[in-house]
Amino acid sequence: MNLKILLTTFGLVFLAEVGDKTQLATLMLAAGSKSKVSVFIGSAGALIACTLMAVLLGDLISRWVPEQYIKIGAGIAFVAVGAWTLMNGWMMNGQS
C-alpha cells in the first residue's frame, strides 16, 4: 500500500464531498430519521460502491488510454461542468 497515494486520495475525496449535494442529502436523511446508524451505513455503502465503480472504470480505461489524455479529458470535463453550472446560475438569476 502506498501511503502517499492513500492520503492524497483521502484528502481530495474528502474536500470534494464537503458541502456536496450528496452530503447535504445525507444530512437531511439523518435529520428526518430515528436510525442515524442506518443512514450512515447506507450513505457510506453508496459512496463505497460509487468509488469501486470509479476505480474499476479508471483501471479499465487506463489500459487503453494514456494517462496524459485521461488528465486532459478530466480537466475538460471539470471546466465544462463548471461552465454549465455558471450558465444555469445566470439563467436562473435572470428568470427571478
N, C-alpha and C. Protein backbone atom coordinates (compact mmCIF):
# COMPACT_ATOMS: atom_id res chain seq x y z
N MET A 1 0.84 -1.17 0.00
CA MET A 1 0.00 0.00 0.00
C MET A 1 0.89 1.24 0.00
N ASN A 2 0.50 2.21 -0.81
CA ASN A 2 1.25 3.45 -0.94
C ASN A 2 0.58 4.52 -0.07
N LEU A 3 1.22 4.89 1.04
CA LEU A 3 0.63 5.83 2.00
C LEU A 3 0.41 7.21 1.38
N LYS A 4 1.32 7.64 0.52
CA LYS A 4 1.17 8.95 -0.11
C LYS A 4 -0.09 8.99 -0.99
N ILE A 5 -0.29 7.96 -1.79
CA ILE A 5 -1.49 7.90 -2.64
C ILE A 5 -2.74 7.79 -1.78
N LEU A 6 -2.68 6.99 -0.71
CA LEU A 6 -3.83 6.83 0.19
C LEU A 6 -4.23 8.18 0.79
N LEU A 7 -3.27 8.93 1.32
CA LEU A 7 -3.58 10.20 1.97
C LEU A 7 -4.01 11.27 0.95
N THR A 8 -3.40 11.26 -0.22
CA THR A 8 -3.79 12.20 -1.27
C THR A 8 -5.22 11.93 -1.71
N THR A 9 -5.55 10.67 -1.94
CA THR A 9 -6.90 10.30 -2.35
C THR A 9 -7.91 10.66 -1.27
N PHE A 10 -7.59 10.34 -0.02
CA PHE A 10 -8.49 10.68 1.08
C PHE A 10 -8.73 12.19 1.11
N GLY A 11 -7.66 12.96 1.04
CA GLY A 11 -7.80 14.41 1.11
C GLY A 11 -8.63 14.98 -0.02
N LEU A 12 -8.37 14.54 -1.24
CA LEU A 12 -9.11 15.05 -2.40
C LEU A 12 -10.58 14.67 -2.35
N VAL A 13 -10.88 13.42 -2.03
CA VAL A 13 -12.28 12.99 -1.97
C VAL A 13 -12.99 13.67 -0.80
N PHE A 14 -12.31 13.79 0.34
CA PHE A 14 -12.92 14.45 1.49
C PHE A 14 -13.27 15.90 1.14
N LEU A 15 -12.33 16.64 0.55
CA LEU A 15 -12.60 18.03 0.20
C LEU A 15 -13.69 18.14 -0.87
N ALA A 16 -13.73 17.21 -1.80
CA ALA A 16 -14.75 17.24 -2.84
C ALA A 16 -16.14 16.96 -2.28
N GLU A 17 -16.21 16.16 -1.23
CA GLU A 17 -17.50 15.77 -0.67
C GLU A 17 -18.05 16.77 0.34
N VAL A 18 -17.19 17.56 0.97
CA VAL A 18 -17.66 18.52 1.98
C VAL A 18 -18.54 19.56 1.29
N GLY A 19 -19.77 19.65 1.74
CA GLY A 19 -20.71 20.60 1.15
C GLY A 19 -21.32 20.14 -0.15
N ASP A 20 -20.99 18.95 -0.59
CA ASP A 20 -21.53 18.38 -1.81
C ASP A 20 -23.01 18.07 -1.59
N LYS A 21 -23.77 18.03 -2.68
CA LYS A 21 -25.20 17.73 -2.55
C LYS A 21 -25.45 16.34 -1.96
N THR A 22 -24.50 15.42 -2.15
CA THR A 22 -24.64 14.10 -1.54
C THR A 22 -24.57 14.23 -0.02
N GLN A 23 -23.63 15.03 0.47
CA GLN A 23 -23.52 15.24 1.91
C GLN A 23 -24.77 15.94 2.44
N LEU A 24 -25.28 16.90 1.70
CA LEU A 24 -26.49 17.60 2.14
C LEU A 24 -27.70 16.66 2.16
N ALA A 25 -27.79 15.78 1.18
CA ALA A 25 -28.88 14.81 1.17
C ALA A 25 -28.78 13.87 2.37
N THR A 26 -27.56 13.45 2.69
CA THR A 26 -27.35 12.59 3.85
C THR A 26 -27.72 13.33 5.13
N LEU A 27 -27.36 14.59 5.21
CA LEU A 27 -27.71 15.41 6.36
C LEU A 27 -29.22 15.46 6.55
N MET A 28 -29.94 15.68 5.46
CA MET A 28 -31.41 15.75 5.52
C MET A 28 -32.01 14.40 5.91
N LEU A 29 -31.46 13.31 5.37
CA LEU A 29 -31.96 11.99 5.74
C LEU A 29 -31.72 11.71 7.22
N ALA A 30 -30.56 12.10 7.72
CA ALA A 30 -30.25 11.88 9.13
C ALA A 30 -31.15 12.73 10.02
N ALA A 31 -31.43 13.95 9.59
CA ALA A 31 -32.28 14.84 10.39
C ALA A 31 -33.70 14.30 10.49
N GLY A 32 -34.16 13.61 9.44
CA GLY A 32 -35.53 13.11 9.43
C GLY A 32 -35.66 11.65 9.83
N SER A 33 -34.59 11.03 10.29
CA SER A 33 -34.62 9.61 10.62
C SER A 33 -34.27 9.38 12.08
N LYS A 34 -34.89 8.36 12.64
CA LYS A 34 -34.54 7.98 14.01
C LYS A 34 -33.35 7.04 14.04
N SER A 35 -33.03 6.44 12.89
CA SER A 35 -31.93 5.50 12.83
C SER A 35 -30.73 6.12 12.11
N LYS A 36 -29.93 6.85 12.86
CA LYS A 36 -28.76 7.52 12.29
C LYS A 36 -27.74 6.51 11.77
N VAL A 37 -27.65 5.36 12.44
CA VAL A 37 -26.71 4.33 12.01
C VAL A 37 -27.09 3.81 10.63
N SER A 38 -28.38 3.63 10.39
CA SER A 38 -28.84 3.15 9.07
C SER A 38 -28.51 4.17 7.99
N VAL A 39 -28.70 5.45 8.29
CA VAL A 39 -28.36 6.50 7.32
C VAL A 39 -26.86 6.48 7.06
N PHE A 40 -26.06 6.36 8.11
CA PHE A 40 -24.60 6.33 7.94
C PHE A 40 -24.18 5.13 7.10
N ILE A 41 -24.68 3.95 7.43
CA ILE A 41 -24.29 2.74 6.70
C ILE A 41 -24.74 2.81 5.24
N GLY A 42 -25.97 3.29 5.01
CA GLY A 42 -26.47 3.41 3.64
C GLY A 42 -25.65 4.41 2.83
N SER A 43 -25.36 5.55 3.44
CA SER A 43 -24.57 6.58 2.75
C SER A 43 -23.15 6.11 2.49
N ALA A 44 -22.52 5.53 3.50
CA ALA A 44 -21.14 5.03 3.35
C ALA A 44 -21.09 3.91 2.30
N GLY A 45 -22.08 3.03 2.33
CA GLY A 45 -22.12 1.94 1.35
C GLY A 45 -22.26 2.45 -0.07
N ALA A 46 -23.10 3.49 -0.25
CA ALA A 46 -23.28 4.07 -1.58
C ALA A 46 -21.98 4.72 -2.06
N LEU A 47 -21.29 5.43 -1.16
CA LEU A 47 -20.02 6.05 -1.55
C LEU A 47 -18.97 4.99 -1.90
N ILE A 48 -18.95 3.91 -1.13
CA ILE A 48 -18.02 2.81 -1.42
C ILE A 48 -18.33 2.20 -2.78
N ALA A 49 -19.61 1.97 -3.07
CA ALA A 49 -20.00 1.36 -4.36
C ALA A 49 -19.62 2.28 -5.53
N CYS A 50 -19.89 3.58 -5.39
CA CYS A 50 -19.54 4.53 -6.45
C CYS A 50 -18.03 4.61 -6.64
N THR A 51 -17.31 4.59 -5.53
CA THR A 51 -15.85 4.65 -5.60
C THR A 51 -15.29 3.39 -6.25
N LEU A 52 -15.84 2.24 -5.90
CA LEU A 52 -15.40 0.98 -6.52
C LEU A 52 -15.61 1.02 -8.02
N MET A 53 -16.78 1.52 -8.46
CA MET A 53 -17.03 1.62 -9.90
C MET A 53 -16.03 2.56 -10.56
N ALA A 54 -15.71 3.68 -9.90
CA ALA A 54 -14.76 4.63 -10.47
C ALA A 54 -13.37 4.03 -10.58
N VAL A 55 -12.95 3.30 -9.55
CA VAL A 55 -11.62 2.67 -9.58
C VAL A 55 -11.55 1.62 -10.68
N LEU A 56 -12.57 0.78 -10.76
CA LEU A 56 -12.58 -0.26 -11.79
C LEU A 56 -12.62 0.34 -13.19
N LEU A 57 -13.45 1.37 -13.39
CA LEU A 57 -13.53 2.02 -14.69
C LEU A 57 -12.22 2.73 -15.02
N GLY A 58 -11.62 3.39 -14.02
CA GLY A 58 -10.33 4.05 -14.22
C GLY A 58 -9.26 3.06 -14.62
N ASP A 59 -9.25 1.91 -13.96
CA ASP A 59 -8.28 0.87 -14.30
C ASP A 59 -8.50 0.36 -15.73
N LEU A 60 -9.75 0.16 -16.08
CA LEU A 60 -10.08 -0.33 -17.42
C LEU A 60 -9.68 0.69 -18.50
N ILE A 61 -10.03 1.94 -18.27
CA ILE A 61 -9.72 2.98 -19.24
C ILE A 61 -8.21 3.16 -19.38
N SER A 62 -7.48 3.10 -18.25
CA SER A 62 -6.04 3.33 -18.29
C SER A 62 -5.28 2.25 -19.06
N ARG A 63 -5.92 1.13 -19.33
CA ARG A 63 -5.28 0.08 -20.12
C ARG A 63 -5.18 0.45 -21.59
N TRP A 64 -6.11 1.32 -22.06
CA TRP A 64 -6.14 1.67 -23.47
C TRP A 64 -5.85 3.14 -23.75
N VAL A 65 -6.05 3.99 -22.75
CA VAL A 65 -5.86 5.43 -22.95
C VAL A 65 -4.68 5.91 -22.11
N PRO A 66 -3.74 6.62 -22.71
CA PRO A 66 -2.59 7.14 -21.96
C PRO A 66 -3.04 8.09 -20.83
N GLU A 67 -2.28 8.08 -19.74
CA GLU A 67 -2.62 8.88 -18.56
C GLU A 67 -2.77 10.36 -18.91
N GLN A 68 -1.92 10.87 -19.77
CA GLN A 68 -1.98 12.28 -20.14
C GLN A 68 -3.34 12.62 -20.75
N TYR A 69 -3.88 11.76 -21.60
CA TYR A 69 -5.18 12.01 -22.22
C TYR A 69 -6.31 11.94 -21.19
N ILE A 70 -6.17 11.06 -20.23
CA ILE A 70 -7.18 10.96 -19.18
C ILE A 70 -7.20 12.26 -18.37
N LYS A 71 -6.01 12.78 -18.02
CA LYS A 71 -5.93 14.03 -17.26
C LYS A 71 -6.52 15.19 -18.06
N ILE A 72 -6.21 15.25 -19.34
CA ILE A 72 -6.75 16.31 -20.19
C ILE A 72 -8.27 16.19 -20.27
N GLY A 73 -8.75 14.98 -20.48
CA GLY A 73 -10.20 14.76 -20.55
C GLY A 73 -10.90 15.13 -19.25
N ALA A 74 -10.30 14.77 -18.11
CA ALA A 74 -10.88 15.12 -16.82
C ALA A 74 -10.90 16.63 -16.63
N GLY A 75 -9.83 17.29 -17.04
CA GLY A 75 -9.78 18.76 -16.93
C GLY A 75 -10.85 19.41 -17.77
N ILE A 76 -11.01 18.94 -18.99
CA ILE A 76 -12.05 19.48 -19.89
C ILE A 76 -13.43 19.24 -19.29
N ALA A 77 -13.64 18.05 -18.74
CA ALA A 77 -14.94 17.73 -18.13
C ALA A 77 -15.24 18.65 -16.95
N PHE A 78 -14.25 18.89 -16.09
CA PHE A 78 -14.44 19.78 -14.94
C PHE A 78 -14.76 21.20 -15.40
N VAL A 79 -14.04 21.69 -16.40
CA VAL A 79 -14.30 23.04 -16.91
C VAL A 79 -15.70 23.11 -17.53
N ALA A 80 -16.08 22.08 -18.28
CA ALA A 80 -17.40 22.05 -18.91
C ALA A 80 -18.51 22.05 -17.86
N VAL A 81 -18.36 21.25 -16.83
CA VAL A 81 -19.37 21.21 -15.76
C VAL A 81 -19.44 22.56 -15.04
N GLY A 82 -18.27 23.16 -14.80
CA GLY A 82 -18.24 24.48 -14.17
C GLY A 82 -18.93 25.53 -15.02
N ALA A 83 -18.65 25.53 -16.32
CA ALA A 83 -19.28 26.48 -17.23
C ALA A 83 -20.78 26.26 -17.29
N TRP A 84 -21.20 25.00 -17.35
CA TRP A 84 -22.63 24.68 -17.38
C TRP A 84 -23.31 25.15 -16.10
N THR A 85 -22.67 24.95 -14.96
CA THR A 85 -23.22 25.38 -13.67
C THR A 85 -23.36 26.90 -13.63
N LEU A 86 -22.32 27.61 -14.08
CA LEU A 86 -22.39 29.07 -14.11
C LEU A 86 -23.51 29.56 -15.04
N MET A 87 -23.63 28.96 -16.22
CA MET A 87 -24.68 29.37 -17.15
C MET A 87 -26.06 29.11 -16.55
N ASN A 88 -26.22 27.96 -15.90
CA ASN A 88 -27.50 27.68 -15.25
C ASN A 88 -27.81 28.72 -14.18
N GLY A 89 -26.80 29.08 -13.39
CA GLY A 89 -26.97 30.08 -12.35
C GLY A 89 -27.38 31.43 -12.92
N TRP A 90 -26.71 31.84 -14.00
CA TRP A 90 -27.04 33.12 -14.62
C TRP A 90 -28.44 33.09 -15.21
N MET A 91 -28.82 31.97 -15.84
CA MET A 91 -30.15 31.86 -16.43
C MET A 91 -31.22 31.87 -15.36
N MET A 92 -30.96 31.18 -14.25
CA MET A 92 -31.95 31.16 -13.14
C MET A 92 -32.05 32.54 -12.51
N ASN A 93 -30.94 33.25 -12.41
CA ASN A 93 -30.95 34.60 -11.85
C ASN A 93 -31.76 35.55 -12.71
N GLY A 94 -31.67 35.37 -14.02
CA GLY A 94 -32.40 36.23 -14.94
C GLY A 94 -33.89 35.97 -14.95
N GLN A 95 -34.32 34.78 -14.51
CA GLN A 95 -35.74 34.44 -14.52
C GLN A 95 -36.48 34.92 -13.28
N SER A 96 -35.75 35.27 -12.22
CA SER A 96 -36.44 35.64 -10.98
C SER A 96 -36.83 37.08 -10.91
